[in-house]
Full PDB file with SEQRES, HELIX, SHEET, SSBOND, CRYST1, ORIGX, SCALE, CONECT and MASTER records, all heavy atoms in Angstrom:
SEQRES   1 A   37  TYR TYR TYR LEU GLU ALA VAL ASN GLN ARG GLN GLN GLU          
SEQRES   2 A   37  ASN TYR ASP ALA ALA PHE GLU LEU LEU GLN HIS CYS LEU          
SEQRES   3 A   37  ALA ILE CYS PRO THR ALA PRO THR ALA PHE TYR                  
HELIX    1 AA1 TYR A    2  GLN A   11  1                                  10    
HELIX    2 AA2 TYR A   15  ILE A   28  1                                  14    
HELIX    3 AA3 PRO A   33  PHE A   36  1                                   4    
CRYST1    1.000    1.000    1.000  90.00  90.00  90.00 P 1           1          
ORIGX1      1.000000  0.000000  0.000000        0.00000                         
ORIGX2      0.000000  1.000000  0.000000        0.00000                         
ORIGX3      0.000000  0.000000  1.000000        0.00000                         
SCALE1      1.000000  0.000000  0.000000        0.00000                         
SCALE2      0.000000  1.000000  0.000000        0.00000                         
SCALE3      0.000000  0.000000  1.000000        0.00000                         
ATOM      1  N   TYR A   1     105.114 102.824 118.070  1.00  0.00           N  
ATOM      2  CA  TYR A   1     104.238 102.157 117.105  1.00  0.00           C  
ATOM      3  C   TYR A   1     103.410 103.181 116.333  1.00  0.00           C  
ATOM      4  O   TYR A   1     103.367 103.162 115.096  1.00  0.00           O  
ATOM      5  CB  TYR A   1     103.314 101.164 117.809  1.00  0.00           C  
ATOM      6  CG  TYR A   1     102.235 100.638 116.890  1.00  0.00           C  
ATOM      7  CD1 TYR A   1     102.522  99.634 115.961  1.00  0.00           C  
ATOM      8  CD2 TYR A   1     100.952 101.178 116.921  1.00  0.00           C  
ATOM      9  CE1 TYR A   1     101.544  99.169 115.098  1.00  0.00           C  
ATOM     10  CE2 TYR A   1      99.968 100.716 116.054  1.00  0.00           C  
ATOM     11  CZ  TYR A   1     100.265  99.728 115.143  1.00  0.00           C  
ATOM     12  OH  TYR A   1      99.299  99.281 114.277  1.00  0.00           O  
ATOM     13  N   TYR A   2     102.738 104.084 117.067  1.00  0.00           N  
ATOM     14  CA  TYR A   2     101.884 105.064 116.397  1.00  0.00           C  
ATOM     15  C   TYR A   2     102.697 106.010 115.516  1.00  0.00           C  
ATOM     16  O   TYR A   2     102.290 106.343 114.399  1.00  0.00           O  
ATOM     17  CB  TYR A   2     101.089 105.870 117.431  1.00  0.00           C  
ATOM     18  CG  TYR A   2      99.937 105.116 118.056  1.00  0.00           C  
ATOM     19  CD1 TYR A   2      99.830 104.998 119.447  1.00  0.00           C  
ATOM     20  CD2 TYR A   2      98.943 104.545 117.273  1.00  0.00           C  
ATOM     21  CE1 TYR A   2      98.778 104.307 120.028  1.00  0.00           C  
ATOM     22  CE2 TYR A   2      97.881 103.859 117.843  1.00  0.00           C  
ATOM     23  CZ  TYR A   2      97.804 103.741 119.227  1.00  0.00           C  
ATOM     24  OH  TYR A   2      96.759 103.063 119.796  1.00  0.00           O  
ATOM     25  N   TYR A   3     103.846 106.435 116.024  1.00  0.00           N  
ATOM     26  CA  TYR A   3     104.643 107.378 115.248  1.00  0.00           C  
ATOM     27  C   TYR A   3     105.182 106.740 113.967  1.00  0.00           C  
ATOM     28  O   TYR A   3     105.071 107.309 112.869  1.00  0.00           O  
ATOM     29  CB  TYR A   3     105.798 107.929 116.078  1.00  0.00           C  
ATOM     30  CG  TYR A   3     106.602 108.942 115.311  1.00  0.00           C  
ATOM     31  CD1 TYR A   3     106.169 110.273 115.227  1.00  0.00           C  
ATOM     32  CD2 TYR A   3     107.756 108.577 114.636  1.00  0.00           C  
ATOM     33  CE1 TYR A   3     106.887 111.207 114.493  1.00  0.00           C  
ATOM     34  CE2 TYR A   3     108.476 109.508 113.896  1.00  0.00           C  
ATOM     35  CZ  TYR A   3     108.036 110.821 113.834  1.00  0.00           C  
ATOM     36  OH  TYR A   3     108.741 111.732 113.090  1.00  0.00           O  
ATOM     37  N   LEU A   4     105.763 105.547 114.088  1.00  0.00           N  
ATOM     38  CA  LEU A   4     106.324 104.891 112.912  1.00  0.00           C  
ATOM     39  C   LEU A   4     105.234 104.489 111.924  1.00  0.00           C  
ATOM     40  O   LEU A   4     105.444 104.522 110.705  1.00  0.00           O  
ATOM     41  CB  LEU A   4     107.156 103.680 113.331  1.00  0.00           C  
ATOM     42  CG  LEU A   4     108.424 104.034 114.120  1.00  0.00           C  
ATOM     43  CD1 LEU A   4     109.110 102.767 114.622  1.00  0.00           C  
ATOM     44  CD2 LEU A   4     109.385 104.847 113.266  1.00  0.00           C  
ATOM     45  N   GLU A   5     104.061 104.140 112.450  1.00  0.00           N  
ATOM     46  CA  GLU A   5     102.944 103.846 111.555  1.00  0.00           C  
ATOM     47  C   GLU A   5     102.467 105.119 110.854  1.00  0.00           C  
ATOM     48  O   GLU A   5     102.080 105.084 109.678  1.00  0.00           O  
ATOM     49  CB  GLU A   5     101.795 103.197 112.323  1.00  0.00           C  
ATOM     50  CG  GLU A   5     100.614 102.768 111.452  1.00  0.00           C  
ATOM     51  CD  GLU A   5     100.994 101.753 110.366  1.00  0.00           C  
ATOM     52  OE1 GLU A   5     101.984 101.025 110.541  1.00  0.00           O  
ATOM     53  OE2 GLU A   5     100.283 101.709 109.344  1.00  0.00           O  
ATOM     54  N   ALA A   6     102.499 106.247 111.563  1.00  0.00           N  
ATOM     55  CA  ALA A   6     102.161 107.525 110.928  1.00  0.00           C  
ATOM     56  C   ALA A   6     103.128 107.833 109.787  1.00  0.00           C  
ATOM     57  O   ALA A   6     102.716 108.281 108.709  1.00  0.00           O  
ATOM     58  CB  ALA A   6     102.186 108.657 111.964  1.00  0.00           C  
ATOM     59  N   VAL A   7     104.416 107.585 110.025  1.00  0.00           N  
ATOM     60  CA  VAL A   7     105.420 107.790 108.971  1.00  0.00           C  
ATOM     61  C   VAL A   7     105.136 106.859 107.794  1.00  0.00           C  
ATOM     62  O   VAL A   7     105.187 107.267 106.626  1.00  0.00           O  
ATOM     63  CB  VAL A   7     106.840 107.553 109.522  1.00  0.00           C  
ATOM     64  CG1 VAL A   7     107.872 107.559 108.397  1.00  0.00           C  
ATOM     65  CG2 VAL A   7     107.186 108.611 110.552  1.00  0.00           C  
ATOM     66  N   ASN A   8     104.809 105.598 108.106  1.00  0.00           N  
ATOM     67  CA  ASN A   8     104.497 104.626 107.060  1.00  0.00           C  
ATOM     68  C   ASN A   8     103.282 105.069 106.240  1.00  0.00           C  
ATOM     69  O   ASN A   8     103.285 104.994 104.997  1.00  0.00           O  
ATOM     70  CB  ASN A   8     104.245 103.259 107.688  1.00  0.00           C  
ATOM     71  CG  ASN A   8     103.904 102.200 106.656  1.00  0.00           C  
ATOM     72  OD1 ASN A   8     104.626 102.003 105.683  1.00  0.00           O  
ATOM     73  ND2 ASN A   8     102.796 101.506 106.871  1.00  0.00           N  
ATOM     74  N   GLN A   9     102.235 105.539 106.930  1.00  0.00           N  
ATOM     75  CA  GLN A   9     101.031 105.999 106.228  1.00  0.00           C  
ATOM     76  C   GLN A   9     101.330 107.229 105.389  1.00  0.00           C  
ATOM     77  O   GLN A   9     100.816 107.384 104.272  1.00  0.00           O  
ATOM     78  CB  GLN A   9      99.920 106.298 107.242  1.00  0.00           C  
ATOM     79  CG  GLN A   9      99.373 105.087 107.958  1.00  0.00           C  
ATOM     80  CD  GLN A   9      98.721 104.089 107.013  1.00  0.00           C  
ATOM     81  OE1 GLN A   9      98.057 104.473 106.042  1.00  0.00           O  
ATOM     82  NE2 GLN A   9      98.919 102.800 107.284  1.00  0.00           N  
ATOM     83  N   ARG A  10     102.166 108.119 105.909  1.00  0.00           N  
ATOM     84  CA  ARG A  10     102.550 109.309 105.139  1.00  0.00           C  
ATOM     85  C   ARG A  10     103.293 108.917 103.868  1.00  0.00           C  
ATOM     86  O   ARG A  10     103.051 109.454 102.791  1.00  0.00           O  
ATOM     87  CB  ARG A  10     103.386 110.238 106.001  1.00  0.00           C  
ATOM     88  CG  ARG A  10     103.845 111.519 105.288  1.00  0.00           C  
ATOM     89  CD  ARG A  10     105.323 111.490 105.027  1.00  0.00           C  
ATOM     90  NE  ARG A  10     106.066 111.488 106.279  1.00  0.00           N  
ATOM     91  CZ  ARG A  10     107.346 111.179 106.336  1.00  0.00           C  
ATOM     92  NH1 ARG A  10     107.996 110.811 105.246  1.00  0.00           N  
ATOM     93  NH2 ARG A  10     107.983 111.190 107.498  1.00  0.00           N  
ATOM     94  N   GLN A  11     104.183 107.935 103.988  1.00  0.00           N  
ATOM     95  CA  GLN A  11     104.949 107.504 102.818  1.00  0.00           C  
ATOM     96  C   GLN A  11     104.058 106.836 101.783  1.00  0.00           C  
ATOM     97  O   GLN A  11     104.366 106.856 100.590  1.00  0.00           O  
ATOM     98  CB  GLN A  11     106.071 106.561 103.257  1.00  0.00           C  
ATOM     99  CG  GLN A  11     107.166 107.282 104.035  1.00  0.00           C  
ATOM    100  CD  GLN A  11     108.238 106.341 104.551  1.00  0.00           C  
ATOM    101  OE1 GLN A  11     107.998 105.146 104.720  1.00  0.00           O  
ATOM    102  NE2 GLN A  11     109.422 106.874 104.797  1.00  0.00           N  
ATOM    103  N   GLN A  12     102.939 106.245 102.243  1.00  0.00           N  
ATOM    104  CA  GLN A  12     101.964 105.667 101.327  1.00  0.00           C  
ATOM    105  C   GLN A  12     100.919 106.689 100.860  1.00  0.00           C  
ATOM    106  O   GLN A  12      99.977 106.338 100.172  1.00  0.00           O  
ATOM    107  CB  GLN A  12     101.261 104.483 101.997  1.00  0.00           C  
ATOM    108  CG  GLN A  12     102.189 103.325 102.337  1.00  0.00           C  
ATOM    109  CD  GLN A  12     101.438 102.164 102.957  1.00  0.00           C  
ATOM    110  OE1 GLN A  12     100.430 101.687 102.439  1.00  0.00           O  
ATOM    111  NE2 GLN A  12     101.925 101.692 104.103  1.00  0.00           N  
ATOM    112  N   GLU A  13     101.116 107.945 101.268  1.00  0.00           N  
ATOM    113  CA  GLU A  13     100.236 109.060 100.908  1.00  0.00           C  
ATOM    114  C   GLU A  13      98.847 108.928 101.522  1.00  0.00           C  
ATOM    115  O   GLU A  13      97.876 109.491 101.020  1.00  0.00           O  
ATOM    116  CB  GLU A  13     100.145 109.223  99.390  1.00  0.00           C  
ATOM    117  CG  GLU A  13     101.489 109.503  98.731  1.00  0.00           C  
ATOM    118  CD  GLU A  13     101.380 109.771  97.244  1.00  0.00           C  
ATOM    119  OE1 GLU A  13     100.275 109.614  96.671  1.00  0.00           O  
ATOM    120  OE2 GLU A  13     102.404 110.133  96.636  1.00  0.00           O  
ATOM    121  N   ASN A  14      98.746 108.182 102.629  1.00  0.00           N  
ATOM    122  CA  ASN A  14      97.503 108.126 103.394  1.00  0.00           C  
ATOM    123  C   ASN A  14      97.586 109.193 104.490  1.00  0.00           C  
ATOM    124  O   ASN A  14      97.780 108.891 105.673  1.00  0.00           O  
ATOM    125  CB  ASN A  14      97.306 106.734 103.993  1.00  0.00           C  
ATOM    126  CG  ASN A  14      97.172 105.663 102.940  1.00  0.00           C  
ATOM    127  OD1 ASN A  14      96.564 105.894 101.884  1.00  0.00           O  
ATOM    128  ND2 ASN A  14      97.722 104.491 103.197  1.00  0.00           N  
ATOM    129  N   TYR A  15      97.455 110.441 104.096  1.00  0.00           N  
ATOM    130  CA  TYR A  15      97.796 111.542 104.978  1.00  0.00           C  
ATOM    131  C   TYR A  15      96.806 111.736 106.119  1.00  0.00           C  
ATOM    132  O   TYR A  15      97.197 112.117 107.220  1.00  0.00           O  
ATOM    133  CB  TYR A  15      97.933 112.825 104.154  1.00  0.00           C  
ATOM    134  CG  TYR A  15      98.959 112.690 103.063  1.00  0.00           C  
ATOM    135  CD1 TYR A  15      98.631 112.978 101.740  1.00  0.00           C  
ATOM    136  CD2 TYR A  15     100.257 112.258 103.347  1.00  0.00           C  
ATOM    137  CE1 TYR A  15      99.574 112.845 100.737  1.00  0.00           C  
ATOM    138  CE2 TYR A  15     101.195 112.125 102.354  1.00  0.00           C  
ATOM    139  CZ  TYR A  15     100.862 112.417 101.042  1.00  0.00           C  
ATOM    140  OH  TYR A  15     101.791 112.287 100.056  1.00  0.00           O  
ATOM    141  N   ASP A  16      95.539 111.457 105.871  1.00  0.00           N  
ATOM    142  CA  ASP A  16      94.565 111.597 106.955  1.00  0.00           C  
ATOM    143  C   ASP A  16      94.815 110.557 108.046  1.00  0.00           C  
ATOM    144  O   ASP A  16      94.690 110.845 109.234  1.00  0.00           O  
ATOM    145  CB  ASP A  16      93.143 111.461 106.420  1.00  0.00           C  
ATOM    146  CG  ASP A  16      92.751 112.637 105.537  1.00  0.00           C  
ATOM    147  OD1 ASP A  16      93.302 113.732 105.740  1.00  0.00           O  
ATOM    148  OD2 ASP A  16      91.909 112.450 104.629  1.00  0.00           O  
ATOM    149  N   ALA A  17      95.175 109.347 107.628  1.00  0.00           N  
ATOM    150  CA  ALA A  17      95.498 108.307 108.609  1.00  0.00           C  
ATOM    151  C   ALA A  17      96.734 108.710 109.408  1.00  0.00           C  
ATOM    152  O   ALA A  17      96.781 108.522 110.633  1.00  0.00           O  
ATOM    153  CB  ALA A  17      95.727 106.977 107.896  1.00  0.00           C  
ATOM    154  N   ALA A  18      97.727 109.274 108.715  1.00  0.00           N  
ATOM    155  CA  ALA A  18      98.939 109.734 109.417  1.00  0.00           C  
ATOM    156  C   ALA A  18      98.587 110.804 110.436  1.00  0.00           C  
ATOM    157  O   ALA A  18      99.099 110.800 111.562  1.00  0.00           O  
ATOM    158  CB  ALA A  18      99.950 110.274 108.405  1.00  0.00           C  
ATOM    159  N   PHE A  19      97.697 111.714 110.062  1.00  0.00           N  
ATOM    160  CA  PHE A  19      97.272 112.791 110.960  1.00  0.00           C  
ATOM    161  C   PHE A  19      96.637 112.214 112.227  1.00  0.00           C  
ATOM    162  O   PHE A  19      96.956 112.632 113.345  1.00  0.00           O  
ATOM    163  CB  PHE A  19      96.291 113.707 110.234  1.00  0.00           C  
ATOM    164  CG  PHE A  19      95.808 114.869 111.055  1.00  0.00           C  
ATOM    165  CD1 PHE A  19      96.493 116.075 111.050  1.00  0.00           C  
ATOM    166  CD2 PHE A  19      94.665 114.765 111.831  1.00  0.00           C  
ATOM    167  CE1 PHE A  19      96.053 117.151 111.797  1.00  0.00           C  
ATOM    168  CE2 PHE A  19      94.214 115.834 112.592  1.00  0.00           C  
ATOM    169  CZ  PHE A  19      94.911 117.029 112.575  1.00  0.00           C  
ATOM    170  N   GLU A  20      95.751 111.259 112.067  1.00  0.00           N  
ATOM    171  CA  GLU A  20      95.074 110.665 113.224  1.00  0.00           C  
ATOM    172  C   GLU A  20      96.059 109.928 114.120  1.00  0.00           C  
ATOM    173  O   GLU A  20      95.972 109.977 115.354  1.00  0.00           O  
ATOM    174  CB  GLU A  20      93.970 109.717 112.747  1.00  0.00           C  
ATOM    175  CG  GLU A  20      92.827 110.401 112.024  1.00  0.00           C  
ATOM    176  CD  GLU A  20      92.129 111.444 112.883  1.00  0.00           C  
ATOM    177  OE1 GLU A  20      92.028 111.237 114.119  1.00  0.00           O  
ATOM    178  OE2 GLU A  20      91.695 112.470 112.335  1.00  0.00           O  
ATOM    179  N   LEU A  21      97.012 109.229 113.525  1.00  0.00           N  
ATOM    180  CA  LEU A  21      98.006 108.510 114.316  1.00  0.00           C  
ATOM    181  C   LEU A  21      98.872 109.460 115.132  1.00  0.00           C  
ATOM    182  O   LEU A  21      99.246 109.161 116.271  1.00  0.00           O  
ATOM    183  CB  LEU A  21      98.876 107.660 113.393  1.00  0.00           C  
ATOM    184  CG  LEU A  21      98.181 106.424 112.804  1.00  0.00           C  
ATOM    185  CD1 LEU A  21      98.936 105.915 111.589  1.00  0.00           C  
ATOM    186  CD2 LEU A  21      98.066 105.321 113.868  1.00  0.00           C  
ATOM    187  N   LEU A  22      99.167 110.613 114.568  1.00  0.00           N  
ATOM    188  CA  LEU A  22      99.950 111.605 115.313  1.00  0.00           C  
ATOM    189  C   LEU A  22      99.171 112.157 116.499  1.00  0.00           C  
ATOM    190  O   LEU A  22      99.758 112.526 117.523  1.00  0.00           O  
ATOM    191  CB  LEU A  22     100.386 112.742 114.383  1.00  0.00           C  
ATOM    192  CG  LEU A  22     101.437 112.339 113.346  1.00  0.00           C  
ATOM    193  CD1 LEU A  22     101.615 113.441 112.304  1.00  0.00           C  
ATOM    194  CD2 LEU A  22     102.777 112.027 114.013  1.00  0.00           C  
ATOM    195  N   GLN A  23      97.847 112.200 116.385  1.00  0.00           N  
ATOM    196  CA  GLN A  23      97.031 112.599 117.532  1.00  0.00           C  
ATOM    197  C   GLN A  23      97.168 111.585 118.671  1.00  0.00           C  
ATOM    198  O   GLN A  23      97.207 111.960 119.842  1.00  0.00           O  
ATOM    199  CB  GLN A  23      95.558 112.737 117.111  1.00  0.00           C  
ATOM    200  CG  GLN A  23      95.307 113.763 116.016  1.00  0.00           C  
ATOM    201  CD  GLN A  23      95.778 115.153 116.388  1.00  0.00           C  
ATOM    202  OE1 GLN A  23      95.554 115.637 117.492  1.00  0.00           O  
ATOM    203  NE2 GLN A  23      96.451 115.799 115.448  1.00  0.00           N  
ATOM    204  N   HIS A  24      97.266 110.305 118.315  1.00  0.00           N  
ATOM    205  CA  HIS A  24      97.497 109.272 119.330  1.00  0.00           C  
ATOM    206  C   HIS A  24      98.854 109.481 119.998  1.00  0.00           C  
ATOM    207  O   HIS A  24      98.992 109.295 121.221  1.00  0.00           O  
ATOM    208  CB  HIS A  24      97.432 107.886 118.700  1.00  0.00           C  
ATOM    209  CG  HIS A  24      96.059 107.438 118.317  1.00  0.00           C  
ATOM    210  ND1 HIS A  24      95.045 107.244 119.240  1.00  0.00           N  
ATOM    211  CD2 HIS A  24      95.514 107.140 117.114  1.00  0.00           C  
ATOM    212  CE1 HIS A  24      93.945 106.846 118.639  1.00  0.00           C  
ATOM    213  NE2 HIS A  24      94.199 106.774 117.340  1.00  0.00           N  
ATOM    214  N   CYS A  25      99.844 109.866 119.201  1.00  0.00           N  
ATOM    215  CA  CYS A  25     101.173 110.125 119.754  1.00  0.00           C  
ATOM    216  C   CYS A  25     101.110 111.209 120.825  1.00  0.00           C  
ATOM    217  O   CYS A  25     101.693 111.077 121.903  1.00  0.00           O  
ATOM    218  CB  CYS A  25     102.139 110.554 118.650  1.00  0.00           C  
ATOM    219  SG  CYS A  25     102.592 109.246 117.499  1.00  0.00           S  
ATOM    220  N   LEU A  26     100.407 112.296 120.520  1.00  0.00           N  
ATOM    221  CA  LEU A  26     100.322 113.407 121.468  1.00  0.00           C  
ATOM    222  C   LEU A  26      99.473 113.052 122.681  1.00  0.00           C  
ATOM    223  O   LEU A  26      99.663 113.612 123.755  1.00  0.00           O  
ATOM    224  CB  LEU A  26      99.778 114.650 120.772  1.00  0.00           C  
ATOM    225  CG  LEU A  26     100.740 115.315 119.779  1.00  0.00           C  
ATOM    226  CD1 LEU A  26     100.071 116.491 119.079  1.00  0.00           C  
ATOM    227  CD2 LEU A  26     102.015 115.783 120.489  1.00  0.00           C  
ATOM    228  N   ALA A  27      98.532 112.128 122.507  1.00  0.00           N  
ATOM    229  CA  ALA A  27      97.750 111.672 123.663  1.00  0.00           C  
ATOM    230  C   ALA A  27      98.650 110.913 124.638  1.00  0.00           C  
ATOM    231  O   ALA A  27      98.472 110.995 125.856  1.00  0.00           O  
ATOM    232  CB  ALA A  27      96.595 110.786 123.194  1.00  0.00           C  
ATOM    233  N   ILE A  28      99.610 110.180 124.099  1.00  0.00           N  
ATOM    234  CA  ILE A  28     100.549 109.438 124.937  1.00  0.00           C  
ATOM    235  C   ILE A  28     101.588 110.372 125.551  1.00  0.00           C  
ATOM    236  O   ILE A  28     101.916 110.292 126.729  1.00  0.00           O  
ATOM    237  CB  ILE A  28     101.248 108.340 124.117  1.00  0.00           C  
ATOM    238  CG1 ILE A  28     100.225 107.312 123.636  1.00  0.00           C  
ATOM    239  CG2 ILE A  28     102.349 107.661 124.940  1.00  0.00           C  
ATOM    240  CD1 ILE A  28     100.771 106.366 122.570  1.00  0.00           C  
ATOM    241  N   CYS A  29     102.114 111.261 124.734  1.00  0.00           N  
ATOM    242  CA  CYS A  29     103.136 112.211 125.198  1.00  0.00           C  
ATOM    243  C   CYS A  29     102.810 113.591 124.635  1.00  0.00           C  
ATOM    244  O   CYS A  29     103.167 113.899 123.491  1.00  0.00           O  
ATOM    245  CB  CYS A  29     104.527 111.769 124.757  1.00  0.00           C  
ATOM    246  SG  CYS A  29     105.838 112.879 125.337  1.00  0.00           S  
ATOM    247  N   PRO A  30     102.134 114.432 125.404  1.00  0.00           N  
ATOM    248  CA  PRO A  30     101.719 115.758 124.912  1.00  0.00           C  
ATOM    249  C   PRO A  30     102.881 116.700 124.612  1.00  0.00           C  
ATOM    250  O   PRO A  30     102.648 117.796 124.084  1.00  0.00           O  
ATOM    251  CB  PRO A  30     100.858 116.305 126.062  1.00  0.00           C  
ATOM    252  CG  PRO A  30     100.451 115.120 126.848  1.00  0.00           C  
ATOM    253  CD  PRO A  30     101.597 114.157 126.750  1.00  0.00           C  
ATOM    254  N   THR A  31     104.098 116.299 124.941  1.00  0.00           N  
ATOM    255  CA  THR A  31     105.255 117.159 124.690  1.00  0.00           C  
ATOM    256  C   THR A  31     106.225 116.525 123.687  1.00  0.00           C  
ATOM    257  O   THR A  31     107.404 116.867 123.675  1.00  0.00           O  
ATOM    258  CB  THR A  31     105.999 117.461 126.000  1.00  0.00           C  
ATOM    259  OG1 THR A  31     106.418 116.223 126.593  1.00  0.00           O  
ATOM    260  CG2 THR A  31     105.112 118.226 126.971  1.00  0.00           C  
ATOM    261  N   ALA A  32     105.745 115.611 122.847  1.00  0.00           N  
ATOM    262  CA  ALA A  32     106.608 114.925 121.889  1.00  0.00           C  
ATOM    263  C   ALA A  32     106.946 115.848 120.715  1.00  0.00           C  
ATOM    264  O   ALA A  32     106.077 116.159 119.902  1.00  0.00           O  
ATOM    265  CB  ALA A  32     105.923 113.664 121.374  1.00  0.00           C  
ATOM    266  N   PRO A  33     108.194 116.288 120.584  1.00  0.00           N  
ATOM    267  CA  PRO A  33     108.536 117.242 119.526  1.00  0.00           C  
ATOM    268  C   PRO A  33     108.395 116.679 118.123  1.00  0.00           C  
ATOM    269  O   PRO A  33     108.038 117.403 117.193  1.00  0.00           O  
ATOM    270  CB  PRO A  33     109.994 117.606 119.836  1.00  0.00           C  
ATOM    271  CG  PRO A  33     110.520 116.475 120.652  1.00  0.00           C  
ATOM    272  CD  PRO A  33     109.358 115.968 121.434  1.00  0.00           C  
ATOM    273  N   THR A  34     108.667 115.368 117.952  1.00  0.00           N  
ATOM    274  CA  THR A  34     108.558 114.795 116.617  1.00  0.00           C  
ATOM    275  C   THR A  34     107.127 114.846 116.098  1.00  0.00           C  
ATOM    276  O   THR A  34     106.891 115.106 114.915  1.00  0.00           O  
ATOM    277  CB  THR A  34     109.050 113.342 116.629  1.00  0.00           C  
ATOM    278  OG1 THR A  34     108.518 112.681 117.781  1.00  0.00           O  
ATOM    279  CG2 THR A  34     110.559 113.284 116.670  1.00  0.00           C  
ATOM    280  N   ALA A  35     106.166 114.596 116.968  1.00  0.00           N  
ATOM    281  CA  ALA A  35     104.763 114.666 116.556  1.00  0.00           C  
ATOM    282  C   ALA A  35     104.377 116.098 116.200  1.00  0.00           C  
ATOM    283  O   ALA A  35     103.667 116.337 115.207  1.00  0.00           O  
ATOM    284  CB  ALA A  35     103.868 114.129 117.668  1.00  0.00           C  
ATOM    285  N   PHE A  36     104.834 117.057 116.990  1.00  0.00           N  
ATOM    286  CA  PHE A  36     104.546 118.456 116.672  1.00  0.00           C  
ATOM    287  C   PHE A  36     105.168 118.853 115.334  1.00  0.00           C  
ATOM    288  O   PHE A  36     104.565 119.588 114.545  1.00  0.00           O  
ATOM    289  CB  PHE A  36     105.070 119.380 117.777  1.00  0.00           C  
ATOM    290  CG  PHE A  36     104.187 119.430 118.989  1.00  0.00           C  
ATOM    291  CD1 PHE A  36     104.648 119.000 120.225  1.00  0.00           C  
ATOM    292  CD2 PHE A  36     102.884 119.917 118.904  1.00  0.00           C  
ATOM    293  CE1 PHE A  36     103.828 119.050 121.352  1.00  0.00           C  
ATOM    294  CE2 PHE A  36     102.062 119.976 120.016  1.00  0.00           C  
ATOM    295  CZ  PHE A  36     102.533 119.534 121.247  1.00  0.00           C  
ATOM    296  N   TYR A  37     106.384 118.364 115.080  1.00  0.00           N  
ATOM    297  CA  TYR A  37     107.025 118.694 113.803  1.00  0.00           C  
ATOM    298  C   TYR A  37     106.225 118.152 112.622  1.00  0.00           C  
ATOM    299  O   TYR A  37     105.952 118.868 111.644  1.00  0.00           O  
ATOM    300  CB  TYR A  37     108.453 118.147 113.733  1.00  0.00           C  
ATOM    301  CG  TYR A  37     108.989 118.230 112.337  1.00  0.00           C  
ATOM    302  CD1 TYR A  37     109.434 119.444 111.825  1.00  0.00           C  
ATOM    303  CD2 TYR A  37     108.963 117.124 111.498  1.00  0.00           C  
ATOM    304  CE1 TYR A  37     109.856 119.542 110.519  1.00  0.00           C  
ATOM    305  CE2 TYR A  37     109.387 117.222 110.191  1.00  0.00           C  
ATOM    306  CZ  TYR A  37     109.828 118.428 109.704  1.00  0.00           C  
ATOM    307  OH  TYR A  37     110.233 118.532 108.395  1.00  0.00           O  
TER     308      TYR A  37                                                      
MASTER        0    0    0    3    0    0    0    6  307    1    0    3          
END                                                                             
């Protein structure tokens, strides 16, 4: 949910929101390569 919403926010050019959502991704899985990318 957080990752796909981050992608959605990025596509809408809401980049700060995407950044925060990716932080949630890493909180859930600190080794998630897609979030690091």
